[in-house]
Protein backbone atom coordinates (compact mmCIF):
# COMPACT_ATOMS: atom_id res chain seq x y z
CA MET A 1 -40.10 245.05 123.43
CA GLU A 2 -40.27 246.29 119.90
CA SER A 3 -41.98 244.51 117.09
CA LEU A 4 -39.84 242.26 114.90
CA GLN A 5 -40.53 244.60 111.90
CA LYS A 6 -39.14 247.61 113.81
CA LEU A 7 -36.13 245.61 115.00
CA ALA A 8 -35.48 244.37 111.42
CA TRP A 9 -35.51 247.92 110.25
CA ARG A 10 -33.06 248.96 112.93
CA CYS A 11 -30.68 246.10 111.89
CA ARG A 12 -30.10 247.96 108.63
CA ARG A 13 -26.77 249.48 109.34
CA GLY A 14 -24.12 251.36 107.40
CA THR A 15 -22.32 248.25 106.11
CA LYS A 16 -23.49 245.03 104.71
CA GLU A 17 -21.43 243.13 107.22
CA LEU A 18 -23.24 244.76 110.18
CA ASP A 19 -26.54 244.28 108.45
CA PHE A 20 -25.85 240.58 107.99
CA LEU A 21 -24.64 239.89 111.52
CA MET A 22 -27.48 241.81 113.27
CA GLN A 23 -30.09 240.14 111.08
CA LYS A 24 -28.60 236.78 111.77
CA TYR A 25 -29.27 237.18 115.48
CA LEU A 26 -32.68 238.61 114.91
CA ASN A 27 -33.69 235.80 112.61
CA ASN A 28 -32.12 232.94 114.43
CA TYR A 29 -32.07 233.66 118.17
CA TYR A 30 -33.98 236.80 119.17
CA GLN A 31 -37.51 235.33 119.60
CA THR A 32 -36.30 232.42 121.77
CA ALA A 33 -33.76 234.43 123.72
CA SER A 34 -34.23 235.43 127.35
CA GLU A 35 -35.64 238.84 128.06
CA ASP A 36 -32.18 239.99 129.21
CA LEU A 37 -30.61 238.99 125.90
CA GLN A 38 -33.40 240.58 123.91
CA HIS A 39 -32.81 243.83 125.72
CA ALA A 40 -29.02 243.48 125.25
CA PHE A 41 -29.62 243.09 121.47
CA GLU A 42 -31.85 246.23 121.45
CA ARG A 43 -29.09 248.16 123.30
CA MET A 44 -26.67 247.03 120.61
CA LEU A 45 -28.98 248.50 118.00
CA ASP A 46 -28.72 251.83 119.80
CA MET A 47 -24.91 251.81 119.38
CA GLN A 48 -23.12 253.76 116.68
CA ASP A 49 -21.77 251.66 113.88
CA PRO A 50 -18.04 252.05 114.68
CA GLU A 51 -18.69 250.95 118.28
CA LEU A 52 -20.89 248.02 117.26
CA TYR A 53 -18.30 246.94 114.60
CA ASP A 54 -15.50 246.99 117.22
CA LEU A 55 -17.51 244.72 119.43
CA LEU A 56 -18.43 242.30 116.70
CA VAL A 57 -14.86 241.94 115.34
CA GLY A 58 -13.34 241.59 118.87
CA ARG A 59 -11.48 244.82 119.00
CA GLN A 60 -13.44 245.61 122.18
CA THR A 61 -15.44 243.73 124.70
CA SER A 62 -18.46 245.00 126.45
CA LYS A 63 -18.69 245.42 130.25
CA ASP A 64 -22.25 244.06 129.72
CA GLN A 65 -22.04 240.29 129.85
CA ASN A 66 -25.48 239.98 128.11
CA ILE A 67 -24.07 241.87 125.11
CA ASN A 68 -21.09 239.57 125.02
CA GLN A 69 -23.43 236.60 125.10
CA VAL A 70 -25.43 238.02 122.13
CA ILE A 71 -22.15 238.34 120.23
CA GLU A 72 -21.41 234.66 121.01
CA TYR A 73 -24.77 233.65 119.53
CA ILE A 74 -24.07 235.77 116.39
CA TYR A 75 -20.95 233.67 115.70
CA ARG A 76 -22.49 230.25 116.27
């Protein structure tokens, strides 16, 4: 598991919208999330911006249910 500082840096994306959404999860849910969801969030940070954006706006769904669950938390 990465430090929160490193994760916060990785949340900085190409657009403010992605920055906001990823920071929201990190700040509000990451620390209390299960290990599976923490890893799913970290995998999301490895994605390219267009792929991540498509997931977050609902153009695509992930085959990974943990990633889909992270997205649900982001929109709470």
